Amino acid sequence: MTTPNQPKLLFVVGVWRSGTSLLHAMLNQHPQIGLMFEAEPFGLFPMKKDYVFPADWTARLEFFNQAISRHRLDPASLPVKAMGRECLLAMFRTVAARKQATVMGGKSPTYHAWLPKIAQIYPEAEFIIIWRDPLDNCRSVVRAGKKNRFFGARGIMKRAYFGAEQMHRGVLQLRAEGRRVHEILYSELVASPEMELRKICDFVGVDFDPKMLDLHTVDLSMVPAGEHHSPLRAGSVQKRQPRAEVLPMAFIEKHMRYAKLWRERYADSFFARTLNGDSALTGPGILERGSDATLYWWWRVWSRFKNKVIRRTPLVYWQKMRGEKSVPAARNA
């Protein structure tokens, strides 16, 4: 558990393109909050409480998502051949210590489907969950995918859409276990940022700081490059103007069927509150639900398989494939 000498542990989680980056920027403006931006070593290594990271884990994580260089971490100062739990905590502590923060942790979209696992690895952790209309998530994924390889990959739409229900199931389990969870809506964060941030400050136990509303002075050095982060770099919180529809009508009609099902199944939840628009007269049938569940499972398995290949392939090979001149050296055991 958290001790007087150790900052409180906080995870900020949401499905991709749901506003986690905006919320991260606002929270990190607080002088007592120091959060990492998508470090996510458990996106690469097995999500197990007792899994020991290999000696070269920092080099592999750097190759995977540049978490080491983006956060200006010294690999030599991080644990070697230690359990993944301690490796990530060491990263969190280092980043939080720079501003003497009393709250440490990170924002991690990848963890939306793994909330119970993360809670098991970190029994002391608290969670902030941000929700957005699944259709708007997918619209944002499509637009980002025009320039970003990750969001343009096959299967990402299925994972982003049905990942919302998966995240809700995780939240239900956390609450059943008595874990501390705070949920917010992206639409309400944008419409009333001060009100929502005050609620979050109460949740984590710090006083509200007006600086959280000033995005012009946010340190974005830990944020990867890419046009999909351009709204964050604009330095303002504002509602988006209506834009041309980018989703196929068949996808929208599927959403209408699932909206009916989910509103009935998860009534009064934050997840149900995100389901804007009309619902179909009937929900999805058994065959449609079975087919969608199978595809969602397949794309998650495929993603984990690719990550398994990355963590087991010699770094020199990946270095040659990408034409990189060097890979940050891991600390010797």
C-alpha atoms as a PDB file:
ATOM      1  CA  MET A   1       0.000   0.000   0.000  1.00  0.00           C
ATOM      2  CA  THR A   2       0.979   3.662  -0.347  1.00  0.00           C
ATOM      3  CA  THR A   3       3.267   4.883   2.462  1.00  0.00           C
ATOM      4  CA  PRO A   4       4.050   8.442   3.617  1.00  0.00           C
ATOM      5  CA  ASN A   5       7.320   8.259   1.674  1.00  0.00           C
ATOM      6  CA  GLN A   6       5.790   6.972  -1.545  1.00  0.00           C
ATOM      7  CA  PRO A   7       3.376   8.842  -3.839  1.00  0.00           C
ATOM      8  CA  LYS A   8      -0.122   7.555  -4.401  1.00  0.00           C
ATOM      9  CA  LEU A   9      -0.392   5.302  -7.453  1.00  0.00           C
ATOM     10  CA  LEU A  10      -2.879   6.328 -10.139  1.00  0.00           C
ATOM     11  CA  PHE A  11      -3.777   4.883 -13.538  1.00  0.00           C
ATOM     12  CA  VAL A  12      -5.700   6.984 -16.089  1.00  0.00           C
ATOM     13  CA  VAL A  13      -7.386   4.636 -18.548  1.00  0.00           C
ATOM     14  CA  GLY A  14      -9.704   4.928 -21.526  1.00  0.00           C
ATOM     15  CA  VAL A  15     -10.175   3.385 -24.948  1.00  0.00           C
ATOM     16  CA  TRP A  16      -7.962   4.849 -27.685  1.00  0.00           C
ATOM     17  CA  ARG A  17      -9.010   8.335 -28.868  1.00  0.00           C
ATOM     18  CA  SER A  18     -11.298   8.863 -25.869  1.00  0.00           C
ATOM     19  CA  GLY A  19      -9.557  11.913 -24.391  1.00  0.00           C
ATOM     20  CA  THR A  20      -6.872  10.258 -22.257  1.00  0.00           C
ATOM     21  CA  SER A  21      -4.159  12.532 -23.681  1.00  0.00           C
ATOM     22  CA  LEU A  22      -6.145  15.667 -22.896  1.00  0.00           C
ATOM     23  CA  LEU A  23      -6.873  14.484 -19.373  1.00  0.00           C
ATOM     24  CA  HIS A  24      -3.222  13.514 -18.869  1.00  0.00           C
ATOM     25  CA  ALA A  25      -2.092  16.993 -19.913  1.00  0.00           C
ATOM     26  CA  MET A  26      -4.518  18.660 -17.510  1.00  0.00           C
ATOM     27  CA  LEU A  27      -3.561  16.440 -14.588  1.00  0.00           C
ATOM     28  CA  ASN A  28       0.165  16.851 -15.179  1.00  0.00           C
ATOM     29  CA  GLN A  29      -0.224  20.615 -14.904  1.00  0.00           C
ATOM     30  CA  HIS A  30      -0.895  20.080 -11.205  1.00  0.00           C
ATOM     31  CA  PRO A  31       2.317  20.512  -9.153  1.00  0.00           C
ATOM     32  CA  GLN A  32       1.529  17.426  -7.060  1.00  0.00           C
ATOM     33  CA  ILE A  33       0.708  15.043  -9.933  1.00  0.00           C
ATOM     34  CA  GLY A  34       3.384  13.421 -12.087  1.00  0.00           C
ATOM     35  CA  LEU A  35       2.106  10.912 -14.635  1.00  0.00           C
ATOM     36  CA  MET A  36       3.885   9.111 -17.450  1.00  0.00           C
ATOM     37  CA  PHE A  37       2.492   9.111 -20.979  1.00  0.00           C
ATOM     38  CA  GLU A  38       1.863   5.578 -22.262  1.00  0.00           C
ATOM     39  CA  ALA A  39       4.881   3.832 -20.787  1.00  0.00           C
ATOM     40  CA  GLU A  40       2.892   0.561 -20.927  1.00  0.00           C
ATOM     41  CA  PRO A  41       5.580  -2.113 -20.457  1.00  0.00           C
ATOM     42  CA  PHE A  42       2.774  -4.604 -19.869  1.00  0.00           C
ATOM     43  CA  GLY A  43       1.687  -3.953 -23.430  1.00  0.00           C
ATOM     44  CA  LEU A  44       4.942  -5.621 -24.466  1.00  0.00           C
ATOM     45  CA  PHE A  45       5.719  -8.068 -21.662  1.00  0.00           C
ATOM     46  CA  PRO A  46       3.301 -10.590 -20.087  1.00  0.00           C
ATOM     47  CA  MET A  47       0.795  -9.035 -17.715  1.00  0.00           C
ATOM     48  CA  LYS A  48       1.619 -11.253 -14.755  1.00  0.00           C
ATOM     49  CA  LYS A  49       2.240 -10.281 -11.156  1.00  0.00           C
ATOM     50  CA  ASP A  50       5.379 -12.400 -10.784  1.00  0.00           C
ATOM     51  CA  TYR A  51       6.834 -12.019 -14.309  1.00  0.00           C
ATOM     52  CA  VAL A  52      10.501 -11.005 -14.243  1.00  0.00           C
ATOM     53  CA  PHE A  53      11.530  -8.588 -16.984  1.00  0.00           C
ATOM     54  CA  PRO A  54      14.632  -9.598 -18.997  1.00  0.00           C
ATOM     55  CA  ALA A  55      17.933  -7.794 -18.555  1.00  0.00           C
ATOM     56  CA  ASP A  56      17.407  -5.829 -21.773  1.00  0.00           C
ATOM     57  CA  TRP A  57      13.837  -4.750 -20.958  1.00  0.00           C
ATOM     58  CA  THR A  58      14.639  -1.031 -21.155  1.00  0.00           C
ATOM     59  CA  ALA A  59      16.079  -1.390 -24.667  1.00  0.00           C
ATOM     60  CA  ARG A  60      13.076  -3.422 -25.802  1.00  0.00           C
ATOM     61  CA  LEU A  61      10.623  -0.960 -24.273  1.00  0.00           C
ATOM     62  CA  GLU A  62      12.460   1.875 -25.983  1.00  0.00           C
ATOM     63  CA  PHE A  63      12.170   0.091 -29.296  1.00  0.00           C
ATOM     64  CA  PHE A  64       8.502  -0.675 -28.611  1.00  0.00           C
ATOM     65  CA  ASN A  65       7.241   2.817 -27.715  1.00  0.00           C
ATOM     66  CA  GLN A  66      10.231   5.086 -26.917  1.00  0.00           C
ATOM     67  CA  ALA A  67       9.070   5.339 -23.302  1.00  0.00           C
ATOM     68  CA  ILE A  68      12.649   5.602 -22.002  1.00  0.00           C
ATOM     69  CA  SER A  69      13.754   8.511 -24.192  1.00  0.00           C
ATOM     70  CA  ARG A  70      10.392  10.320 -24.141  1.00  0.00           C
ATOM     71  CA  HIS A  71      10.544  10.526 -20.363  1.00  0.00           C
ATOM     72  CA  ARG A  72      14.300  11.196 -20.256  1.00  0.00           C
ATOM     73  CA  LEU A  73      14.971   8.105 -18.153  1.00  0.00           C
ATOM     74  CA  ASP A  74      18.423   6.671 -17.551  1.00  0.00           C
ATOM     75  CA  PRO A  75      18.298   2.892 -18.182  1.00  0.00           C
ATOM     76  CA  ALA A  76      21.216   2.433 -15.779  1.00  0.00           C
ATOM     77  CA  SER A  77      19.066   3.735 -12.919  1.00  0.00           C
ATOM     78  CA  LEU A  78      16.266   1.222 -13.482  1.00  0.00           C
ATOM     79  CA  PRO A  79      16.010  -2.323 -12.034  1.00  0.00           C
ATOM     80  CA  VAL A  80      17.500  -5.305 -13.839  1.00  0.00           C
ATOM     81  CA  LYS A  81      15.904  -8.747 -13.892  1.00  0.00           C
ATOM     82  CA  ALA A  82      13.224  -7.560 -11.478  1.00  0.00           C
ATOM     83  CA  MET A  83       9.497  -8.213 -11.488  1.00  0.00           C
ATOM     84  CA  GLY A  84       7.599  -6.059 -13.947  1.00  0.00           C
ATOM     85  CA  ARG A  85       5.659  -4.460 -11.119  1.00  0.00           C
ATOM     86  CA  GLU A  86       8.863  -3.037  -9.615  1.00  0.00           C
ATOM     87  CA  CYS A  87      10.251  -1.969 -12.991  1.00  0.00           C
ATOM     88  CA  LEU A  88       7.208   0.153 -13.795  1.00  0.00           C
ATOM     89  CA  LEU A  89       7.053   1.558 -10.258  1.00  0.00           C
ATOM     90  CA  ALA A  90      10.694   2.618 -10.593  1.00  0.00           C
ATOM     91  CA  MET A  91       9.818   4.537 -13.761  1.00  0.00           C
ATOM     92  CA  PHE A  92       6.807   6.142 -12.089  1.00  0.00           C
ATOM     93  CA  ARG A  93       8.847   7.181  -9.045  1.00  0.00           C
ATOM     94  CA  THR A  94      11.577   8.724 -11.183  1.00  0.00           C
ATOM     95  CA  VAL A  95       9.164  10.874 -13.183  1.00  0.00           C
ATOM     96  CA  ALA A  96       7.164  11.913 -10.112  1.00  0.00           C
ATOM     97  CA  ALA A  97      10.320  12.789  -8.143  1.00  0.00           C
ATOM     98  CA  ARG A  98      11.295  15.476 -10.653  1.00  0.00           C
ATOM     99  CA  LYS A  99       8.434  17.644  -9.414  1.00  0.00           C
ATOM    100  CA  GLN A 100       8.195  16.100  -5.931  1.00  0.00           C
ATOM    101  CA  ALA A 101       4.709  14.900  -6.801  1.00  0.00           C
ATOM    102  CA  THR A 102       2.497  13.157  -4.264  1.00  0.00           C
ATOM    103  CA  VAL A 103       0.614  11.299  -7.023  1.00  0.00           C
ATOM    104  CA  MET A 104       2.465   9.131  -9.550  1.00  0.00           C
ATOM    105  CA  GLY A 105       1.393   6.764 -12.302  1.00  0.00           C
ATOM    106  CA  GLY A 106       0.494   6.993 -15.945  1.00  0.00           C
ATOM    107  CA  LYS A 107      -2.172   7.205 -18.593  1.00  0.00           C
ATOM    108  CA  SER A 108      -2.467   3.939 -20.469  1.00  0.00           C
ATOM    109  CA  PRO A 109      -5.076   3.344 -23.214  1.00  0.00           C
ATOM    110  CA  THR A 110      -3.771  -0.163 -23.833  1.00  0.00           C
ATOM    111  CA  TYR A 111      -4.837  -1.145 -20.319  1.00  0.00           C
ATOM    112  CA  HIS A 112      -8.547  -0.532 -20.996  1.00  0.00           C
ATOM    113  CA  ALA A 113      -9.065  -4.255 -21.603  1.00  0.00           C
ATOM    114  CA  TRP A 114      -6.879  -5.361 -18.686  1.00  0.00           C
ATOM    115  CA  LEU A 115      -8.175  -3.461 -15.666  1.00  0.00           C
ATOM    116  CA  PRO A 116      -8.576  -6.507 -13.362  1.00  0.00           C
ATOM    117  CA  LYS A 117      -5.069  -7.701 -14.258  1.00  0.00           C
ATOM    118  CA  ILE A 118      -3.535  -4.293 -13.556  1.00  0.00           C
ATOM    119  CA  ALA A 119      -5.444  -4.108 -10.283  1.00  0.00           C
ATOM    120  CA  GLN A 120      -4.071  -7.525  -9.319  1.00  0.00           C
ATOM    121  CA  ILE A 121      -0.488  -6.475 -10.049  1.00  0.00           C
ATOM    122  CA  TYR A 122      -0.974  -3.159  -8.227  1.00  0.00           C
ATOM    123  CA  PRO A 123      -3.376  -3.679  -5.297  1.00  0.00           C
ATOM    124  CA  GLU A 124      -2.584  -0.170  -4.043  1.00  0.00           C
ATOM    125  CA  ALA A 125      -3.575   1.566  -7.308  1.00  0.00           C
ATOM    126  CA  GLU A 126      -6.509   3.882  -7.882  1.00  0.00           C
ATOM    127  CA  PHE A 127      -8.127   4.387 -11.280  1.00  0.00           C
ATOM    128  CA  ILE A 128      -9.595   7.247 -13.303  1.00  0.00           C
ATOM    129  CA  ILE A 129     -11.674   6.007 -16.246  1.00  0.00           C
ATOM    130  CA  ILE A 130     -12.619   8.352 -19.078  1.00  0.00           C
ATOM    131  CA  TRP A 131     -15.534   7.501 -21.365  1.00  0.00           C
ATOM    132  CA  ARG A 132     -16.447   8.714 -24.842  1.00  0.00           C
ATOM    133  CA  ASP A 133     -19.178   7.750 -27.305  1.00  0.00           C
ATOM    134  CA  PRO A 134     -17.821   4.577 -29.017  1.00  0.00           C
ATOM    135  CA  LEU A 135     -18.814   5.971 -32.433  1.00  0.00           C
ATOM    136  CA  ASP A 136     -16.820   9.135 -31.798  1.00  0.00           C
ATOM    137  CA  ASN A 137     -13.889   6.990 -30.688  1.00  0.00           C
ATOM    138  CA  CYS A 138     -14.058   5.125 -33.989  1.00  0.00           C
ATOM    139  CA  ARG A 139     -14.433   8.293 -36.035  1.00  0.00           C
ATOM    140  CA  SER A 140     -11.292   9.637 -34.390  1.00  0.00           C
ATOM    141  CA  VAL A 141      -9.494   6.341 -35.037  1.00  0.00           C
ATOM    142  CA  VAL A 142     -10.365   6.522 -38.751  1.00  0.00           C
ATOM    143  CA  ARG A 143      -9.100  10.093 -39.053  1.00  0.00           C
ATOM    144  CA  ALA A 144      -5.916   9.334 -37.124  1.00  0.00           C
ATOM    145  CA  GLY A 145      -5.363   6.217 -39.222  1.00  0.00           C
ATOM    146  CA  LYS A 146      -4.866   8.309 -42.351  1.00  0.00           C
ATOM    147  CA  LYS A 147      -1.432   9.364 -41.051  1.00  0.00           C
ATOM    148  CA  ASN A 148      -0.683   6.971 -38.187  1.00  0.00           C
ATOM    149  CA  ARG A 149       0.260   3.333 -38.798  1.00  0.00           C
ATOM    150  CA  PHE A 150      -1.149   2.028 -35.501  1.00  0.00           C
ATOM    151  CA  PHE A 151      -4.591   3.546 -36.042  1.00  0.00           C
ATOM    152  CA  GLY A 152      -4.569   2.503 -39.673  1.00  0.00           C
ATOM    153  CA  ALA A 153      -3.975  -1.164 -38.879  1.00  0.00           C
ATOM    154  CA  ARG A 154      -6.582  -3.812 -39.592  1.00  0.00           C
ATOM    155  CA  GLY A 155      -8.716  -4.744 -36.622  1.00  0.00           C
ATOM    156  CA  ILE A 156      -8.192  -1.545 -34.657  1.00  0.00           C
ATOM    157  CA  MET A 157     -11.771  -0.398 -35.263  1.00  0.00           C
ATOM    158  CA  LYS A 158     -13.150  -3.634 -33.852  1.00  0.00           C
ATOM    159  CA  ARG A 159     -10.866  -3.398 -30.824  1.00  0.00           C
ATOM    160  CA  ALA A 160     -11.686   0.265 -30.210  1.00  0.00           C
ATOM    161  CA  TYR A 161     -15.436  -0.213 -30.492  1.00  0.00           C
ATOM    162  CA  PHE A 162     -15.906  -3.381 -28.450  1.00  0.00           C
ATOM    163  CA  GLY A 163     -13.083  -2.390 -26.121  1.00  0.00           C
ATOM    164  CA  ALA A 164     -15.542   0.023 -24.488  1.00  0.00           C
ATOM    165  CA  GLU A 165     -17.710  -2.843 -23.283  1.00  0.00           C
ATOM    166  CA  GLN A 166     -14.631  -4.760 -22.185  1.00  0.00           C
ATOM    167  CA  MET A 167     -13.501  -1.749 -20.154  1.00  0.00           C
ATOM    168  CA  HIS A 168     -16.931  -1.458 -18.545  1.00  0.00           C
ATOM    169  CA  ARG A 169     -16.761  -5.085 -17.455  1.00  0.00           C
ATOM    170  CA  GLY A 170     -13.379  -4.352 -15.923  1.00  0.00           C
ATOM    171  CA  VAL A 171     -14.771  -1.371 -14.046  1.00  0.00           C
ATOM    172  CA  LEU A 172     -17.596  -3.501 -12.687  1.00  0.00           C
ATOM    173  CA  GLN A 173     -15.071  -6.025 -11.391  1.00  0.00           C
ATOM    174  CA  LEU A 174     -12.933  -3.315  -9.779  1.00  0.00           C
ATOM    175  CA  ARG A 175     -15.945  -1.885  -8.000  1.00  0.00           C
ATOM    176  CA  ALA A 176     -17.034  -5.357  -6.876  1.00  0.00           C
ATOM    177  CA  GLU A 177     -13.595  -5.771  -5.311  1.00  0.00           C
ATOM    178  CA  GLY A 178     -13.932  -2.458  -3.497  1.00  0.00           C
ATOM    179  CA  ARG A 179     -11.268  -0.659  -5.540  1.00  0.00           C
ATOM    180  CA  ARG A 180     -11.259   3.125  -5.784  1.00  0.00           C
ATOM    181  CA  VAL A 181     -12.473   4.148  -9.239  1.00  0.00           C
ATOM    182  CA  HIS A 182     -13.502   7.575 -10.550  1.00  0.00           C
ATOM    183  CA  GLU A 183     -15.331   7.787 -13.897  1.00  0.00           C
ATOM    184  CA  ILE A 184     -15.793  10.844 -16.114  1.00  0.00           C
ATOM    185  CA  LEU A 185     -17.248  11.593 -19.541  1.00  0.00           C
ATOM    186  CA  TYR A 186     -15.077  13.176 -22.203  1.00  0.00           C
ATOM    187  CA  SER A 187     -17.998  15.374 -23.283  1.00  0.00           C
ATOM    188  CA  GLU A 188     -18.374  16.754 -19.757  1.00  0.00           C
ATOM    189  CA  LEU A 189     -14.629  17.278 -19.374  1.00  0.00           C
ATOM    190  CA  VAL A 190     -14.625  19.424 -22.514  1.00  0.00           C
ATOM    191  CA  ALA A 191     -17.838  21.270 -21.608  1.00  0.00           C
ATOM    192  CA  SER A 192     -16.984  21.921 -17.941  1.00  0.00           C
ATOM    193  CA  PRO A 193     -13.279  21.251 -17.393  1.00  0.00           C
ATOM    194  CA  GLU A 194     -12.957  23.019 -14.049  1.00  0.00           C
ATOM    195  CA  MET A 195     -15.913  21.179 -12.534  1.00  0.00           C
ATOM    196  CA  GLU A 196     -14.618  17.768 -13.662  1.00  0.00           C
ATOM    197  CA  LEU A 197     -11.046  18.504 -12.580  1.00  0.00           C
ATOM    198  CA  ARG A 198     -12.219  19.572  -9.140  1.00  0.00           C
ATOM    199  CA  LYS A 199     -13.978  16.221  -8.765  1.00  0.00           C
ATOM    200  CA  ILE A 200     -10.787  14.437  -9.783  1.00  0.00           C
ATOM    201  CA  CYS A 201      -8.709  16.450  -7.312  1.00  0.00           C
ATOM    202  CA  ASP A 202     -11.109  15.465  -4.540  1.00  0.00           C
ATOM    203  CA  PHE A 203     -10.766  11.848  -5.615  1.00  0.00           C
ATOM    204  CA  VAL A 204      -6.950  11.788  -5.545  1.00  0.00           C
ATOM    205  CA  GLY A 205      -6.720  13.989  -2.449  1.00  0.00           C
ATOM    206  CA  VAL A 206      -5.115  17.194  -3.733  1.00  0.00           C
ATOM    207  CA  ASP A 207      -6.367  20.766  -3.909  1.00  0.00           C
ATOM    208  CA  PHE A 208      -7.558  22.048  -7.270  1.00  0.00           C
ATOM    209  CA  ASP A 209      -4.970  24.194  -9.054  1.00  0.00           C
ATOM    210  CA  PRO A 210      -6.143  26.686 -11.746  1.00  0.00           C
ATOM    211  CA  LYS A 211      -2.989  25.882 -13.705  1.00  0.00           C
ATOM    212  CA  MET A 212      -4.678  22.629 -14.736  1.00  0.00           C
ATOM    213  CA  LEU A 213      -6.859  24.666 -17.107  1.00  0.00           C
ATOM    214  CA  ASP A 214      -3.855  26.254 -18.862  1.00  0.00           C
ATOM    215  CA  LEU A 215      -2.804  23.987 -21.703  1.00  0.00           C
ATOM    216  CA  HIS A 216      -0.492  26.551 -23.298  1.00  0.00           C
ATOM    217  CA  THR A 217       2.286  25.734 -20.826  1.00  0.00           C
ATOM    218  CA  VAL A 218       1.944  21.935 -20.842  1.00  0.00           C
ATOM    219  CA  ASP A 219       5.175  19.954 -21.136  1.00  0.00           C
ATOM    220  CA  LEU A 220       4.540  17.797 -24.202  1.00  0.00           C
ATOM    221  CA  SER A 221       8.069  16.417 -24.499  1.00  0.00           C
ATOM    222  CA  MET A 222       6.830  12.954 -23.452  1.00  0.00           C
ATOM    223  CA  VAL A 223       4.084  12.935 -26.116  1.00  0.00           C
ATOM    224  CA  PRO A 224       5.015  11.129 -29.366  1.00  0.00           C
ATOM    225  CA  ALA A 225       4.978  13.050 -32.615  1.00  0.00           C
ATOM    226  CA  GLY A 226       1.970  12.747 -34.891  1.00  0.00           C
ATOM    227  CA  GLU A 227      -0.931  14.749 -36.231  1.00  0.00           C
ATOM    228  CA  HIS A 228      -3.369  12.817 -34.052  1.00  0.00           C
ATOM    229  CA  HIS A 229      -1.950  14.804 -31.106  1.00  0.00           C
ATOM    230  CA  SER A 230      -2.292  18.183 -32.858  1.00  0.00           C
ATOM    231  CA  PRO A 231      -5.435  19.213 -30.909  1.00  0.00           C
ATOM    232  CA  LEU A 232      -3.476  18.749 -27.687  1.00  0.00           C
ATOM    233  CA  ARG A 233      -0.632  20.879 -28.989  1.00  0.00           C
ATOM    234  CA  ALA A 234      -3.111  23.619 -29.921  1.00  0.00           C
ATOM    235  CA  GLY A 235      -3.340  24.421 -26.222  1.00  0.00           C
ATOM    236  CA  SER A 236      -7.100  24.806 -25.872  1.00  0.00           C
ATOM    237  CA  VAL A 237     -10.101  22.784 -24.742  1.00  0.00           C
ATOM    238  CA  GLN A 238     -13.018  23.180 -27.080  1.00  0.00           C
ATOM    239  CA  LYS A 239     -15.809  21.208 -28.676  1.00  0.00           C
ATOM    240  CA  ARG A 240     -15.159  20.010 -32.198  1.00  0.00           C
ATOM    241  CA  GLN A 241     -17.207  21.421 -35.024  1.00  0.00           C
ATOM    242  CA  PRO A 242     -19.377  18.960 -37.008  1.00  0.00           C
ATOM    243  CA  ARG A 243     -17.305  17.102 -39.598  1.00  0.00           C
ATOM    244  CA  ALA A 244     -18.040  14.894 -42.571  1.00  0.00           C
ATOM    245  CA  GLU A 245     -19.002  11.341 -41.630  1.00  0.00           C
ATOM    246  CA  VAL A 246     -16.115   8.890 -42.028  1.00  0.00           C
ATOM    247  CA  LEU A 247     -17.804   5.715 -40.805  1.00  0.00           C
ATOM    248  CA  PRO A 248     -19.660   3.347 -43.169  1.00  0.00           C
ATOM    249  CA  MET A 249     -23.423   3.349 -42.752  1.00  0.00           C
ATOM    250  CA  ALA A 250     -23.310  -0.393 -42.014  1.00  0.00           C
ATOM    251  CA  PHE A 251     -21.053   0.307 -39.031  1.00  0.00           C
ATOM    252  CA  ILE A 252     -23.384   3.029 -37.747  1.00  0.00           C
ATOM    253  CA  GLU A 253     -26.364   0.696 -38.072  1.00  0.00           C
ATOM    254  CA  LYS A 254     -24.457  -1.972 -36.129  1.00  0.00           C
ATOM    255  CA  HIS A 255     -23.827   0.594 -33.415  1.00  0.00           C
ATOM    256  CA  MET A 256     -27.537   1.372 -33.218  1.00  0.00           C
ATOM    257  CA  ARG A 257     -28.247  -2.295 -32.516  1.00  0.00           C
ATOM    258  CA  TYR A 258     -25.536  -2.543 -29.865  1.00  0.00           C
ATOM    259  CA  ALA A 259     -26.616   0.766 -28.329  1.00  0.00           C
ATOM    260  CA  LYS A 260     -30.016  -0.784 -27.629  1.00  0.00           C
ATOM    261  CA  LEU A 261     -28.441  -3.879 -26.119  1.00  0.00           C
ATOM    262  CA  TRP A 262     -25.936  -1.988 -23.976  1.00  0.00           C
ATOM    263  CA  ARG A 263     -28.420   0.611 -22.729  1.00  0.00           C
ATOM    264  CA  GLU A 264     -30.635  -2.176 -21.470  1.00  0.00           C
ATOM    265  CA  ARG A 265     -27.808  -4.310 -20.100  1.00  0.00           C
ATOM    266  CA  TYR A 266     -25.787  -1.535 -18.458  1.00  0.00           C
ATOM    267  CA  ALA A 267     -28.461   0.988 -17.519  1.00  0.00           C
ATOM    268  CA  ASP A 268     -27.369   3.950 -15.365  1.00  0.00           C
ATOM    269  CA  SER A 269     -23.663   3.305 -16.015  1.00  0.00           C
ATOM    270  CA  PHE A 270     -21.186   5.833 -17.386  1.00  0.00           C
ATOM    271  CA  PHE A 271     -20.772   3.525 -20.362  1.00  0.00           C
ATOM    272  CA  ALA A 272     -24.506   3.716 -21.149  1.00  0.00           C
ATOM    273  CA  ARG A 273     -24.360   7.513 -20.886  1.00  0.00           C
ATOM    274  CA  THR A 274     -21.894   7.641 -23.773  1.00  0.00           C
ATOM    275  CA  LEU A 275     -24.301   5.942 -26.178  1.00  0.00           C
ATOM    276  CA  ASN A 276     -25.624   9.006 -27.961  1.00  0.00           C
ATOM    277  CA  GLY A 277     -28.011   8.951 -30.897  1.00  0.00           C
ATOM    278  CA  ASP A 278     -30.842   6.657 -31.856  1.00  0.00           C
ATOM    279  CA  SER A 279     -31.060   2.970 -31.090  1.00  0.00           C
ATOM    280  CA  ALA A 280     -32.347   0.275 -33.404  1.00  0.00           C
ATOM    281  CA  LEU A 281     -35.715  -1.314 -32.741  1.00  0.00           C
ATOM    282  CA  THR A 282     -33.972  -4.598 -31.981  1.00  0.00           C
ATOM    283  CA  GLY A 283     -30.521  -5.437 -30.676  1.00  0.00           C
ATOM    284  CA  PRO A 284     -27.933  -7.609 -32.415  1.00  0.00           C
ATOM    285  CA  GLY A 285     -28.877 -11.236 -32.886  1.00  0.00           C
ATOM    286  CA  ILE A 286     -27.011 -14.219 -31.527  1.00  0.00           C
ATOM    287  CA  LEU A 287     -25.065 -14.786 -34.743  1.00  0.00           C
ATOM    288  CA  GLU A 288     -24.003 -11.147 -34.993  1.00  0.00           C
ATOM    289  CA  ARG A 289     -22.911 -11.039 -31.358  1.00  0.00           C
ATOM    290  CA  GLY A 290     -21.015 -14.300 -31.733  1.00  0.00           C
ATOM    291  CA  SER A 291     -19.285 -13.157 -34.908  1.00  0.00           C
ATOM    292  CA  ASP A 292     -18.301  -9.793 -33.418  1.00  0.00           C
ATOM    293  CA  ALA A 293     -17.055 -11.377 -30.193  1.00  0.00           C
ATOM    294  CA  THR A 294     -14.934 -13.839 -32.165  1.00  0.00           C
ATOM    295  CA  LEU A 295     -13.375 -11.103 -34.306  1.00  0.00           C
ATOM    296  CA  TYR A 296     -12.731  -8.919 -31.280  1.00  0.00           C
ATOM    297  CA  TRP A 297     -11.009 -11.856 -29.540  1.00  0.00           C
ATOM    298  CA  TRP A 298      -8.996 -12.643 -32.686  1.00  0.00           C
ATOM    299  CA  TRP A 299      -7.612  -9.119 -33.080  1.00  0.00           C
ATOM    300  CA  ARG A 300      -6.637  -8.998 -29.413  1.00  0.00           C
ATOM    301  CA  VAL A 301      -4.839 -12.340 -29.735  1.00  0.00           C
ATOM    302  CA  TRP A 302      -3.115 -11.170 -32.924  1.00  0.00           C
ATOM    303  CA  SER A 303      -1.903  -8.026 -31.182  1.00  0.00           C
ATOM    304  CA  ARG A 304      -0.478 -10.035 -28.283  1.00  0.00           C
ATOM    305  CA  PHE A 305       1.197 -12.421 -30.730  1.00  0.00           C
ATOM    306  CA  LYS A 306       2.941  -9.543 -32.521  1.00  0.00           C
ATOM    307  CA  ASN A 307       4.158  -8.162 -29.202  1.00  0.00           C
ATOM    308  CA  LYS A 308       5.447 -11.610 -28.260  1.00  0.00           C
ATOM    309  CA  VAL A 309       7.478 -11.674 -31.470  1.00  0.00           C
ATOM    310  CA  ILE A 310       8.900  -8.235 -30.701  1.00  0.00           C
ATOM    311  CA  ARG A 311      10.014  -9.165 -27.195  1.00  0.00           C
ATOM    312  CA  ARG A 312      11.654 -12.413 -28.345  1.00  0.00           C
ATOM    313  CA  THR A 313      13.357 -11.253 -31.534  1.00  0.00           C
ATOM    314  CA  PRO A 314      16.989 -10.074 -31.209  1.00  0.00           C
ATOM    315  CA  LEU A 315      17.081  -6.282 -31.146  1.00  0.00           C
ATOM    316  CA  VAL A 316      19.819  -6.234 -33.764  1.00  0.00           C
ATOM    317  CA  TYR A 317      17.365  -7.734 -36.247  1.00  0.00           C
ATOM    318  CA  TRP A 318      14.712  -5.102 -35.606  1.00  0.00           C
ATOM    319  CA  GLN A 319      17.409  -2.445 -35.781  1.00  0.00           C
ATOM    320  CA  LYS A 320      18.336  -3.571 -39.293  1.00  0.00           C
ATOM    321  CA  MET A 321      14.693  -3.882 -40.363  1.00  0.00           C
ATOM    322  CA  ARG A 322      13.971  -0.295 -39.360  1.00  0.00           C
ATOM    323  CA  GLY A 323      17.270   1.062 -40.573  1.00  0.00           C
ATOM    324  CA  GLU A 324      18.095   2.524 -37.184  1.00  0.00           C
ATOM    325  CA  LYS A 325      21.659   3.357 -36.320  1.00  0.00           C
ATOM    326  CA  SER A 326      21.412   2.293 -32.692  1.00  0.00           C
ATOM    327  CA  VAL A 327      19.202   0.933 -29.971  1.00  0.00           C
ATOM    328  CA  PRO A 328      19.607   2.256 -26.415  1.00  0.00           C
ATOM    329  CA  ALA A 329      21.739  -0.233 -24.549  1.00  0.00           C
ATOM    330  CA  ALA A 330      20.229  -2.165 -21.692  1.00  0.00           C
ATOM    331  CA  ARG A 331      22.007  -2.200 -18.373  1.00  0.00           C
ATOM    332  CA  ASN A 332      24.158  -5.299 -17.981  1.00  0.00           C
ATOM    333  CA  ALA A 333      23.034  -7.849 -15.422  1.00  0.00           C
END
